[in-house]
C-alpha atoms as a PDB file:
ATOM      1  CA  MET A   1       0.002  -0.156   0.185  1.00  0.00           C
ATOM      2  CA  SER A   2       1.354   3.285  -0.848  1.00  0.00           C
ATOM      3  CA  GLU A   3       1.537   6.080   1.550  1.00  0.00           C
ATOM      4  CA  THR A   4      -0.211   9.308   0.974  1.00  0.00           C
ATOM      5  CA  ALA A   5       1.705  12.088   0.246  1.00  0.00           C
ATOM      6  CA  PRO A   6       1.417  15.112   2.969  1.00  0.00           C
ATOM      7  CA  SER A   7      -0.588  17.659   1.725  1.00  0.00           C
ATOM      8  CA  VAL A   8       1.044  21.195   0.884  1.00  0.00           C
ATOM      9  CA  SER A   9      -0.882  23.982   3.047  1.00  0.00           C
ATOM     10  CA  THR A  10      -1.718  26.767  -0.211  1.00  0.00           C
ATOM     11  CA  ASP A  11      -2.378  29.853   2.151  1.00  0.00           C
ATOM     12  CA  PRO A  12       0.391  32.308   1.035  1.00  0.00           C
ATOM     13  CA  ALA A  13       0.847  33.730   4.661  1.00  0.00           C
ATOM     14  CA  THR A  14       2.444  30.583   6.106  1.00  0.00           C
ATOM     15  CA  PRO A  15       5.670  29.328   4.119  1.00  0.00           C
ATOM     16  CA  GLY A  16       8.518  30.324   5.995  1.00  0.00           C
ATOM     17  CA  LYS A  17       6.861  33.359   7.597  1.00  0.00           C
ATOM     18  CA  LYS A  18       6.230  34.107  11.079  1.00  0.00           C
ATOM     19  CA  PRO A  19       3.134  36.318  11.579  1.00  0.00           C
ATOM     20  CA  MET A  20       4.042  39.544  12.866  1.00  0.00           C
ATOM     21  CA  SER A  21       4.218  39.949  16.385  1.00  0.00           C
ATOM     22  CA  ASN A  22       1.636  41.922  18.828  1.00  0.00           C
ATOM     23  CA  LEU A  23       4.887  44.256  19.559  1.00  0.00           C
ATOM     24  CA  GLY A  24       5.605  44.800  15.679  1.00  0.00           C
ATOM     25  CA  GLN A  25       1.780  45.697  15.298  1.00  0.00           C
ATOM     26  CA  ARG A  26       2.174  48.310  17.983  1.00  0.00           C
ATOM     27  CA  ILE A  27       4.979  49.696  16.607  1.00  0.00           C
ATOM     28  CA  LEU A  28       4.031  49.873  13.037  1.00  0.00           C
ATOM     29  CA  PHE A  29       0.259  51.068  13.163  1.00  0.00           C
ATOM     30  CA  GLY A  30       1.409  53.382  16.096  1.00  0.00           C
ATOM     31  CA  LEU A  31       3.889  55.159  13.573  1.00  0.00           C
ATOM     32  CA  ILE A  32       0.953  55.111  10.832  1.00  0.00           C
ATOM     33  CA  GLY A  33      -1.786  56.276  13.461  1.00  0.00           C
ATOM     34  CA  ALA A  34       1.690  59.085  14.735  1.00  0.00           C
ATOM     35  CA  ALA A  35       1.694  60.112  11.166  1.00  0.00           C
ATOM     36  CA  MET A  36      -1.413  60.417   9.892  1.00  0.00           C
ATOM     37  CA  LEU A  37      -2.126  62.088  13.552  1.00  0.00           C
ATOM     38  CA  LEU A  38       1.152  64.794  12.769  1.00  0.00           C
ATOM     39  CA  VAL A  39      -0.259  65.634   9.081  1.00  0.00           C
ATOM     40  CA  SER A  40      -3.395  66.456  10.238  1.00  0.00           C
ATOM     41  CA  ILE A  41      -2.708  69.055  12.514  1.00  0.00           C
ATOM     42  CA  TRP A  42       0.234  70.457  10.522  1.00  0.00           C
ATOM     43  CA  TYR A  43      -1.274  70.906   6.973  1.00  0.00           C
ATOM     44  CA  SER A  44      -3.998  73.163   8.021  1.00  0.00           C
ATOM     45  CA  ALA A  45      -7.024  74.546  10.431  1.00  0.00           C
ATOM     46  CA  TRP A  46      -9.090  72.392   8.078  1.00  0.00           C
ATOM     47  CA  THR A  47      -7.322  68.988   7.846  1.00  0.00           C
ATOM     48  CA  PHE A  48      -7.109  69.004  11.754  1.00  0.00           C
ATOM     49  CA  ALA A  49     -11.008  69.410  11.794  1.00  0.00           C
ATOM     50  CA  ALA A  50     -11.312  67.194   9.414  1.00  0.00           C
ATOM     51  CA  PHE A  51      -9.311  64.324  10.843  1.00  0.00           C
ATOM     52  CA  PHE A  52     -10.761  65.047  14.696  1.00  0.00           C
ATOM     53  CA  ALA A  53     -14.505  65.146  13.735  1.00  0.00           C
ATOM     54  CA  VAL A  54     -13.997  61.732  12.287  1.00  0.00           C
ATOM     55  CA  MET A  55     -11.994  60.741  15.088  1.00  0.00           C
ATOM     56  CA  GLN A  56     -14.661  61.872  17.450  1.00  0.00           C
ATOM     57  CA  VAL A  57     -17.423  60.263  16.073  1.00  0.00           C
ATOM     58  CA  ARG A  58     -15.627  56.831  15.506  1.00  0.00           C
ATOM     59  CA  MET A  59     -14.566  57.612  19.393  1.00  0.00           C
ATOM     60  CA  LEU A  60     -18.559  57.930  20.008  1.00  0.00           C
ATOM     61  CA  TRP A  61     -19.062  54.885  18.183  1.00  0.00           C
ATOM     62  CA  GLU A  62     -16.749  53.317  20.247  1.00  0.00           C
ATOM     63  CA  PHE A  63     -18.174  53.541  23.220  1.00  0.00           C
ATOM     64  CA  TYR A  64     -22.092  52.859  22.043  1.00  0.00           C
ATOM     65  CA  ARG A  65     -20.603  49.424  20.976  1.00  0.00           C
ATOM     66  CA  MET A  66     -19.609  49.190  25.019  1.00  0.00           C
ATOM     67  CA  MET A  67     -23.017  50.063  25.811  1.00  0.00           C
ATOM     68  CA  ARG A  68     -24.588  47.201  23.730  1.00  0.00           C
ATOM     69  CA  GLU A  69     -22.363  44.803  25.159  1.00  0.00           C
ATOM     70  CA  ALA A  70     -23.715  45.924  28.542  1.00  0.00           C
ATOM     71  CA  GLY A  71     -27.770  45.422  26.759  1.00  0.00           C
ATOM     72  CA  TYR A  72     -28.224  49.184  25.707  1.00  0.00           C
ATOM     73  CA  LYS A  73     -29.268  49.986  22.356  1.00  0.00           C
ATOM     74  CA  PRO A  74     -28.755  53.577  22.489  1.00  0.00           C
ATOM     75  CA  ALA A  75     -29.258  54.929  18.995  1.00  0.00           C
ATOM     76  CA  ALA A  76     -25.965  55.028  17.357  1.00  0.00           C
ATOM     77  CA  LEU A  77     -26.377  56.413  13.779  1.00  0.00           C
ATOM     78  CA  LEU A  78     -27.980  59.548  15.056  1.00  0.00           C
ATOM     79  CA  GLY A  79     -26.031  60.007  17.710  1.00  0.00           C
ATOM     80  CA  SER A  80     -22.534  59.246  15.850  1.00  0.00           C
ATOM     81  CA  GLY A  81     -24.258  62.448  13.166  1.00  0.00           C
ATOM     82  CA  ILE A  82     -24.799  64.806  16.130  1.00  0.00           C
ATOM     83  CA  SER A  83     -21.202  64.152  17.662  1.00  0.00           C
ATOM     84  CA  GLY A  84     -19.538  65.027  14.110  1.00  0.00           C
ATOM     85  CA  LEU A  85     -22.044  68.077  14.340  1.00  0.00           C
ATOM     86  CA  ILE A  86     -21.166  69.396  17.357  1.00  0.00           C
ATOM     87  CA  PHE A  87     -17.463  69.417  16.140  1.00  0.00           C
ATOM     88  CA  VAL A  88     -18.472  71.299  13.604  1.00  0.00           C
ATOM     89  CA  GLY A  89     -20.902  73.509  15.332  1.00  0.00           C
ATOM     90  CA  VAL A  90     -17.492  74.399  17.718  1.00  0.00           C
ATOM     91  CA  PHE A  91     -15.111  74.749  14.987  1.00  0.00           C
ATOM     92  CA  ALA A  92     -17.398  77.482  12.919  1.00  0.00           C
ATOM     93  CA  VAL A  93     -17.884  79.048  16.664  1.00  0.00           C
ATOM     94  CA  VAL A  94     -14.046  79.600  16.919  1.00  0.00           C
ATOM     95  CA  ILE A  95     -13.295  80.305  13.643  1.00  0.00           C
ATOM     96  CA  VAL A  96     -16.272  83.100  13.865  1.00  0.00           C
ATOM     97  CA  ASN A  97     -14.548  84.669  16.581  1.00  0.00           C
ATOM     98  CA  ASN A  98     -11.304  85.108  14.600  1.00  0.00           C
ATOM     99  CA  VAL A  99     -12.647  85.294  11.231  1.00  0.00           C
ATOM    100  CA  THR A 100     -12.447  89.859  11.965  1.00  0.00           C
ATOM    101  CA  ASN A 101      -7.977  88.994  12.248  1.00  0.00           C
ATOM    102  CA  SER A 102      -8.717  87.703   8.171  1.00  0.00           C
ATOM    103  CA  ASN A 103      -8.072  90.321   5.713  1.00  0.00           C
ATOM    104  CA  ASP A 104      -9.798  88.270   2.884  1.00  0.00           C
ATOM    105  CA  PRO A 105     -13.330  89.280   2.465  1.00  0.00           C
ATOM    106  CA  ASP A 106     -14.404  85.988   0.356  1.00  0.00           C
ATOM    107  CA  PHE A 107     -13.647  84.607   3.699  1.00  0.00           C
ATOM    108  CA  HIS A 108     -15.641  86.741   5.807  1.00  0.00           C
ATOM    109  CA  VAL A 109     -18.912  85.828   3.112  1.00  0.00           C
ATOM    110  CA  ILE A 110     -18.185  81.840   3.006  1.00  0.00           C
ATOM    111  CA  VAL A 111     -17.900  82.001   7.343  1.00  0.00           C
ATOM    112  CA  GLY A 112     -20.981  83.972   7.588  1.00  0.00           C
ATOM    113  CA  ASN A 113     -23.243  82.237   5.256  1.00  0.00           C
ATOM    114  CA  GLY A 114     -21.698  79.061   6.414  1.00  0.00           C
ATOM    115  CA  VAL A 115     -22.408  80.208  10.100  1.00  0.00           C
ATOM    116  CA  ARG A 116     -26.106  81.489   9.225  1.00  0.00           C
ATOM    117  CA  PHE A 117     -27.342  78.102   7.934  1.00  0.00           C
ATOM    118  CA  ALA A 118     -25.443  75.381  10.404  1.00  0.00           C
ATOM    119  CA  GLY A 119     -25.679  77.740  13.558  1.00  0.00           C
ATOM    120  CA  PRO A 120     -29.605  77.458  13.557  1.00  0.00           C
ATOM    121  CA  ALA A 121     -29.771  74.341  12.430  1.00  0.00           C
ATOM    122  CA  LEU A 122     -27.168  72.514  14.638  1.00  0.00           C
ATOM    123  CA  VAL A 123     -28.833  74.268  17.938  1.00  0.00           C
ATOM    124  CA  GLY A 124     -32.370  72.839  16.700  1.00  0.00           C
ATOM    125  CA  ILE A 125     -31.287  69.566  16.712  1.00  0.00           C
ATOM    126  CA  ILE A 126     -29.641  69.316  19.965  1.00  0.00           C
ATOM    127  CA  LEU A 127     -32.501  71.104  20.990  1.00  0.00           C
ATOM    128  CA  LEU A 128     -35.170  68.496  19.882  1.00  0.00           C
ATOM    129  CA  LEU A 129     -32.347  65.729  20.375  1.00  0.00           C
ATOM    130  CA  PRO A 130     -34.168  64.260  22.845  1.00  0.00           C
ATOM    131  CA  THR A 131     -37.300  64.038  22.260  1.00  0.00           C
ATOM    132  CA  VAL A 132     -36.723  62.385  18.893  1.00  0.00           C
ATOM    133  CA  LEU A 133     -34.780  59.312  21.256  1.00  0.00           C
ATOM    134  CA  ILE A 134     -38.192  59.012  22.841  1.00  0.00           C
ATOM    135  CA  LEU A 135     -40.236  58.443  19.809  1.00  0.00           C
ATOM    136  CA  ARG A 136     -37.642  56.462  18.563  1.00  0.00           C
ATOM    137  CA  GLU A 137     -37.697  54.420  21.988  1.00  0.00           C
ATOM    138  CA  MET A 138     -41.818  54.846  21.859  1.00  0.00           C
ATOM    139  CA  TYR A 139     -41.577  53.234  17.956  1.00  0.00           C
ATOM    140  CA  ALA A 140     -40.053  50.292  19.423  1.00  0.00           C
ATOM    141  CA  TRP A 141     -41.611  49.329  22.475  1.00  0.00           C
ATOM    142  CA  PRO A 142     -41.414  47.267  24.361  1.00  0.00           C
ATOM    143  CA  ARG A 143     -38.259  45.885  22.777  1.00  0.00           C
ATOM    144  CA  GLU A 144     -36.985  41.968  23.306  1.00  0.00           C
ATOM    145  CA  LYS A 145     -34.251  41.106  25.501  1.00  0.00           C
ATOM    146  CA  GLN A 146     -34.344  44.037  27.344  1.00  0.00           C
ATOM    147  CA  ASP A 147     -35.876  44.372  30.537  1.00  0.00           C
ATOM    148  CA  PHE A 148     -34.969  47.672  31.846  1.00  0.00           C
ATOM    149  CA  SER A 149     -36.746  51.395  30.725  1.00  0.00           C
ATOM    150  CA  PRO A 150     -36.339  53.084  27.330  1.00  0.00           C
ATOM    151  CA  PHE A 151     -35.097  55.680  28.489  1.00  0.00           C
ATOM    152  CA  SER A 152     -32.044  54.010  29.390  1.00  0.00           C
ATOM    153  CA  ASN A 153     -31.370  53.737  26.230  1.00  0.00           C
ATOM    154  CA  VAL A 154     -32.100  57.288  25.917  1.00  0.00           C
ATOM    155  CA  GLY A 155     -29.706  58.339  28.927  1.00  0.00           C
ATOM    156  CA  VAL A 156     -27.145  56.729  27.019  1.00  0.00           C
ATOM    157  CA  ALA A 157     -26.952  57.834  24.215  1.00  0.00           C
ATOM    158  CA  LEU A 158     -27.288  61.436  25.594  1.00  0.00           C
ATOM    159  CA  LEU A 159     -24.445  60.634  27.868  1.00  0.00           C
ATOM    160  CA  GLY A 160     -21.963  58.924  25.161  1.00  0.00           C
ATOM    161  CA  LEU A 161     -22.305  62.589  23.973  1.00  0.00           C
ATOM    162  CA  LEU A 162     -21.270  64.753  26.866  1.00  0.00           C
ATOM    163  CA  TYR A 163     -18.444  62.208  27.986  1.00  0.00           C
ATOM    164  CA  VAL A 164     -17.316  61.779  24.196  1.00  0.00           C
ATOM    165  CA  SER A 165     -18.129  64.544  22.207  1.00  0.00           C
ATOM    166  CA  LEU A 166     -18.628  67.355  23.638  1.00  0.00           C
ATOM    167  CA  PRO A 167     -15.092  67.053  25.331  1.00  0.00           C
ATOM    168  CA  MET A 168     -13.504  66.434  21.937  1.00  0.00           C
ATOM    169  CA  SER A 169     -15.430  69.732  20.778  1.00  0.00           C
ATOM    170  CA  LEU A 170     -13.092  71.746  22.985  1.00  0.00           C
ATOM    171  CA  LEU A 171     -10.289  70.669  21.006  1.00  0.00           C
ATOM    172  CA  ASN A 172     -10.954  73.370  18.497  1.00  0.00           C
ATOM    173  CA  VAL A 173     -11.082  75.763  22.041  1.00  0.00           C
ATOM    174  CA  VAL A 174      -7.502  75.079  22.152  1.00  0.00           C
ATOM    175  CA  ALA A 175      -6.398  74.505  19.028  1.00  0.00           C
ATOM    176  CA  PHE A 176      -6.928  78.727  18.000  1.00  0.00           C
ATOM    177  CA  ASN A 177      -5.664  81.916  19.901  1.00  0.00           C
ATOM    178  CA  GLU A 178      -6.098  85.228  19.181  1.00  0.00           C
ATOM    179  CA  GLN A 179      -4.075  84.895  15.739  1.00  0.00           C
ATOM    180  CA  GLY A 180      -6.737  81.746  14.368  1.00  0.00           C
ATOM    181  CA  TYR A 181      -5.238  78.240  14.299  1.00  0.00           C
ATOM    182  CA  ASP A 182      -2.276  77.297  15.423  1.00  0.00           C
ATOM    183  CA  TYR A 183      -1.011  73.637  15.465  1.00  0.00           C
ATOM    184  CA  ARG A 184       2.023  74.175  18.081  1.00  0.00           C
ATOM    185  CA  ARG A 185      -0.956  73.954  20.295  1.00  0.00           C
ATOM    186  CA  ILE A 186      -2.097  70.566  19.271  1.00  0.00           C
ATOM    187  CA  LEU A 187       1.402  69.188  19.172  1.00  0.00           C
ATOM    188  CA  ALA A 188       2.260  70.633  22.839  1.00  0.00           C
ATOM    189  CA  LEU A 189      -0.682  68.959  23.709  1.00  0.00           C
ATOM    190  CA  LEU A 190      -0.248  65.486  22.217  1.00  0.00           C
ATOM    191  CA  LEU A 191       3.838  65.781  23.862  1.00  0.00           C
ATOM    192  CA  LEU A 192       2.316  66.221  27.643  1.00  0.00           C
ATOM    193  CA  VAL A 193      -0.011  63.302  27.282  1.00  0.00           C
ATOM    194  CA  TRP A 194       2.323  60.917  25.773  1.00  0.00           C
ATOM    195  CA  SER A 195       5.102  62.072  28.882  1.00  0.00           C
ATOM    196  CA  SER A 196       2.889  61.714  31.179  1.00  0.00           C
ATOM    197  CA  ASP A 197       2.065  57.949  29.859  1.00  0.00           C
ATOM    198  CA  ILE A 198       5.780  57.277  29.168  1.00  0.00           C
ATOM    199  CA  GLY A 199       6.444  58.904  32.537  1.00  0.00           C
ATOM    200  CA  ALA A 200       3.936  56.653  34.477  1.00  0.00           C
ATOM    201  CA  TYR A 201       4.914  53.499  32.506  1.00  0.00           C
ATOM    202  CA  ALA A 202       8.704  53.946  33.076  1.00  0.00           C
ATOM    203  CA  ALA A 203       8.444  54.496  36.861  1.00  0.00           C
ATOM    204  CA  GLY A 204       5.555  51.834  37.431  1.00  0.00           C
ATOM    205  CA  LYS A 205       7.741  49.375  35.522  1.00  0.00           C
ATOM    206  CA  SER A 206      10.988  50.500  37.719  1.00  0.00           C
ATOM    207  CA  PHE A 207       9.357  51.699  41.355  1.00  0.00           C
ATOM    208  CA  GLY A 208       5.647  50.602  41.500  1.00  0.00           C
ATOM    209  CA  LYS A 209       4.769  48.910  44.715  1.00  0.00           C
ATOM    210  CA  HIS A 210       1.421  50.803  45.945  1.00  0.00           C
ATOM    211  CA  LYS A 211      -1.231  49.643  43.608  1.00  0.00           C
ATOM    212  CA  LEU A 212      -3.399  53.704  42.850  1.00  0.00           C
ATOM    213  CA  ALA A 213      -6.897  52.129  41.629  1.00  0.00           C
ATOM    214  CA  PRO A 214      -6.981  47.865  42.210  1.00  0.00           C
ATOM    215  CA  LYS A 215     -10.236  47.838  41.415  1.00  0.00           C
ATOM    216  CA  ILE A 216     -10.396  49.551  38.571  1.00  0.00           C
ATOM    217  CA  SER A 217      -6.986  48.952  36.976  1.00  0.00           C
ATOM    218  CA  PRO A 218      -4.421  46.601  38.851  1.00  0.00           C
ATOM    219  CA  GLY A 219      -1.418  47.751  36.849  1.00  0.00           C
ATOM    220  CA  LYS A 220      -1.829  51.284  37.607  1.00  0.00           C
ATOM    221  CA  THR A 221       0.454  52.566  40.896  1.00  0.00           C
ATOM    222  CA  TRP A 222       1.120  55.487  43.185  1.00  0.00           C
ATOM    223  CA  GLU A 223       4.798  55.083  42.436  1.00  0.00           C
ATOM    224  CA  GLY A 224       4.167  55.793  38.221  1.00  0.00           C
ATOM    225  CA  ALA A 225       1.521  58.358  38.644  1.00  0.00           C
ATOM    226  CA  ILE A 226       4.210  60.642  40.306  1.00  0.00           C
ATOM    227  CA  GLY A 227       6.689  59.408  37.580  1.00  0.00           C
ATOM    228  CA  GLY A 228       4.548  60.299  34.661  1.00  0.00           C
ATOM    229  CA  PHE A 229       3.790  63.538  36.325  1.00  0.00           C
ATOM    230  CA  LEU A 230       7.516  64.902  36.785  1.00  0.00           C
ATOM    231  CA  LEU A 231       8.243  64.220  33.309  1.00  0.00           C
ATOM    232  CA  THR A 232       4.961  65.992  32.391  1.00  0.00           C
ATOM    233  CA  LEU A 233       6.388  69.192  34.324  1.00  0.00           C
ATOM    234  CA  ALA A 234       9.268  68.877  32.832  1.00  0.00           C
ATOM    235  CA  MET A 235       7.981  68.458  29.425  1.00  0.00           C
ATOM    236  CA  GLY A 236       5.668  71.393  30.207  1.00  0.00           C
ATOM    237  CA  TRP A 237       8.772  73.177  30.781  1.00  0.00           C
ATOM    238  CA  ALA A 238      11.009  71.783  27.583  1.00  0.00           C
ATOM    239  CA  LEU A 239       7.653  73.397  25.625  1.00  0.00           C
ATOM    240  CA  GLY A 240       9.386  76.882  25.976  1.00  0.00           C
ATOM    241  CA  TYR A 241      11.103  76.040  23.134  1.00  0.00           C
ATOM    242  CA  LEU A 242       8.178  75.395  20.713  1.00  0.00           C
ATOM    243  CA  LEU A 243       5.743  78.128  22.283  1.00  0.00           C
ATOM    244  CA  PRO A 244       8.178  80.928  23.806  1.00  0.00           C
ATOM    245  CA  GLU A 245       4.981  83.414  23.871  1.00  0.00           C
ATOM    246  CA  LEU A 246       3.764  81.407  26.861  1.00  0.00           C
ATOM    247  CA  SER A 247       4.841  81.789  30.222  1.00  0.00           C
ATOM    248  CA  LEU A 248       6.637  79.542  32.148  1.00  0.00           C
ATOM    249  CA  THR A 249       3.822  79.141  35.349  1.00  0.00           C
ATOM    250  CA  TYR A 250       1.236  79.118  32.043  1.00  0.00           C
ATOM    251  CA  ARG A 251       3.323  75.912  30.795  1.00  0.00           C
ATOM    252  CA  LEU A 252       3.780  74.370  33.666  1.00  0.00           C
ATOM    253  CA  VAL A 253       0.026  74.993  35.122  1.00  0.00           C
ATOM    254  CA  VAL A 254      -1.034  73.883  31.910  1.00  0.00           C
ATOM    255  CA  ALA A 255       1.276  70.014  32.343  1.00  0.00           C
ATOM    256  CA  GLY A 256      -0.065  69.948  35.864  1.00  0.00           C
ATOM    257  CA  VAL A 257      -3.739  69.614  34.318  1.00  0.00           C
ATOM    258  CA  VAL A 258      -2.595  67.393  31.590  1.00  0.00           C
ATOM    259  CA  ALA A 259      -0.841  65.149  34.467  1.00  0.00           C
ATOM    260  CA  VAL A 260      -4.132  65.003  37.056  1.00  0.00           C
ATOM    261  CA  PHE A 261      -6.808  64.649  34.553  1.00  0.00           C
ATOM    262  CA  GLY A 262      -5.328  62.378  32.262  1.00  0.00           C
ATOM    263  CA  PRO A 263      -4.663  59.274  34.384  1.00  0.00           C
ATOM    264  CA  LEU A 264      -8.386  59.744  35.885  1.00  0.00           C
ATOM    265  CA  GLY A 265      -9.916  60.010  31.829  1.00  0.00           C
ATOM    266  CA  ASP A 266      -7.647  56.785  31.338  1.00  0.00           C
ATOM    267  CA  LEU A 267      -8.945  55.378  35.037  1.00  0.00           C
ATOM    268  CA  ALA A 268     -12.691  56.593  33.829  1.00  0.00           C
ATOM    269  CA  GLU A 269     -12.392  54.325  30.461  1.00  0.00           C
ATOM    270  CA  SER A 270     -10.948  51.354  32.397  1.00  0.00           C
ATOM    271  CA  MET A 271     -13.818  51.629  35.002  1.00  0.00           C
ATOM    272  CA  LEU A 272     -16.305  51.314  32.067  1.00  0.00           C
ATOM    273  CA  LYS A 273     -14.723  48.313  30.263  1.00  0.00           C
ATOM    274  CA  ARG A 274     -14.702  46.888  33.552  1.00  0.00           C
ATOM    275  CA  SER A 275     -17.906  47.332  33.666  1.00  0.00           C
ATOM    276  CA  VAL A 276     -19.079  45.796  30.354  1.00  0.00           C
ATOM    277  CA  GLY A 277     -16.422  43.512  30.180  1.00  0.00           C
ATOM    278  CA  VAL A 278     -14.564  44.227  27.039  1.00  0.00           C
ATOM    279  CA  LYS A 279     -10.799  45.037  27.047  1.00  0.00           C
ATOM    280  CA  ASP A 280     -10.383  46.837  24.149  1.00  0.00           C
ATOM    281  CA  SER A 281     -12.960  49.979  22.941  1.00  0.00           C
ATOM    282  CA  GLY A 282     -12.542  48.669  19.371  1.00  0.00           C
ATOM    283  CA  ARG A 283     -10.042  46.950  16.745  1.00  0.00           C
ATOM    284  CA  ILE A 284      -9.374  49.766  14.525  1.00  0.00           C
ATOM    285  CA  MET A 285      -5.227  49.782  15.246  1.00  0.00           C
ATOM    286  CA  PRO A 286      -3.930  46.267  15.786  1.00  0.00           C
ATOM    287  CA  GLY A 287      -2.023  45.942  18.660  1.00  0.00           C
ATOM    288  CA  HIS A 288      -3.399  49.574  20.244  1.00  0.00           C
ATOM    289  CA  GLY A 289      -7.541  48.666  20.729  1.00  0.00           C
ATOM    290  CA  GLY A 290     -10.220  51.654  20.009  1.00  0.00           C
ATOM    291  CA  LEU A 291      -9.271  54.893  19.763  1.00  0.00           C
ATOM    292  CA  LEU A 292     -11.362  55.784  23.158  1.00  0.00           C
ATOM    293  CA  ASP A 293      -8.376  53.419  23.943  1.00  0.00           C
ATOM    294  CA  ARG A 294      -6.036  55.702  22.831  1.00  0.00           C
ATOM    295  CA  PHE A 295      -7.502  59.138  23.681  1.00  0.00           C
ATOM    296  CA  ASP A 296      -9.546  58.957  26.933  1.00  0.00           C
ATOM    297  CA  ALA A 297      -6.777  60.945  28.623  1.00  0.00           C
ATOM    298  CA  PHE A 298      -8.237  63.761  26.698  1.00  0.00           C
ATOM    299  CA  LEU A 299     -11.891  63.399  27.766  1.00  0.00           C
ATOM    300  CA  PHE A 300     -11.046  64.861  31.033  1.00  0.00           C
ATOM    301  CA  ILE A 301      -7.919  67.245  29.952  1.00  0.00           C
ATOM    302  CA  LEU A 302      -9.827  69.258  27.149  1.00  0.00           C
ATOM    303  CA  PRO A 303     -13.128  70.737  29.553  1.00  0.00           C
ATOM    304  CA  VAL A 304     -10.357  71.828  32.442  1.00  0.00           C
ATOM    305  CA  LEU A 305      -7.897  73.362  28.946  1.00  0.00           C
ATOM    306  CA  ALA A 306     -10.541  74.734  27.324  1.00  0.00           C
ATOM    307  CA  LEU A 307     -11.624  76.381  30.413  1.00  0.00           C
ATOM    308  CA  LEU A 308      -8.344  78.103  31.646  1.00  0.00           C
ATOM    309  CA  GLN A 309      -7.896  79.098  28.145  1.00  0.00           C
ATOM    310  CA  LEU A 310     -11.230  81.309  28.269  1.00  0.00           C
ATOM    311  CA  LEU A 311     -10.450  82.731  31.560  1.00  0.00           C
ATOM    312  CA  LEU A 312      -6.409  82.943  31.039  1.00  0.00           C
ATOM    313  CA  GLY A 313      -6.047  83.839  27.067  1.00  0.00           C
END
C-alpha cells in the first residue's frame, strides 16, 4: 500500500513566514497613526478639523458598541451624526471669533453664510434630540431581551455625547489663539499626554509597589503616577522652545492639568470597560485597541484646558 503524500498548505501567509508579533503590530500601526495625526494637525485648520471630527465620531461609536455589550440599545447612527455636527459647530464658532483677523473678504462671506445656515440648524437639532430619542423608543417599544426602562437607551445616547463628543469638540478651543489656528498648541498637548504615559509606565515598571486603583486598573501605581507627573512637568518646561510666547507658569499649570486629569480619564474608561466586560473599546488599530482607548485622557483634560484658556487666554 502506497503512503499518502503529505498535504502542502496553499496559504500564502504560512510558507516560512512568522506572523507579525503583537509588539511589531503596535509599533507599525502606532507609527502610521502618529504620522496621520501629525500631518493632519500641521497642514491646516481644515485638515485638523476633518481628522478629529471623523475620529470623534468613531470614538462615540466605540462607546455605543460597549454599551450594547451591556444590553443597552442607544441610537448609535443618530448620536454619531450629532457628534460630527457638534464638532463642526464648535469649530465654526471658533472660526467666527477669529474671522475679524482675516483680511480676505471672500473668507468673511463664506464663513458668515455657513454660520447663518449651520448655527440655527445645529441648535435646533440639539434641542429636539431628546424628543427624537424618546420617539424612537416609543416606536420600538417593547424591545425584546431588554427588561429595563427604554429611557435608559435615551440616557446612554445622551451620555455618549456628553462624555465623548462635547469634550473632544473643545479641542477646537485649545487649537486657536487670537491670531487663528496654531498647530503647535495641539502638538504641545500631544507631547504632554505622551510624556505622562511614558513617565507613568517607566516609573511604574521600575518602582511600582503601591496600587493606585486596584479595583479599576490593577497595573497602575502611585509611583507610576508620580513619575508621569514629573516627566509631564519637565515637558511643560521644555515646551518653552516650541511656544516661547507662553509663560513658564502657564506651561507648568497646563502640564499639571494634563498630569492629573489624564490618568483620571484613563481610569474612567478602564472602569467603563470593566463594567461591560470588554478588553478594548474597538479594533481599529491592531495592537492598540480602539481610538477611545488611545484618547480617553483627552476626555478629562480638554474641558479643564478649554476653561483655563477662556479664563486666562
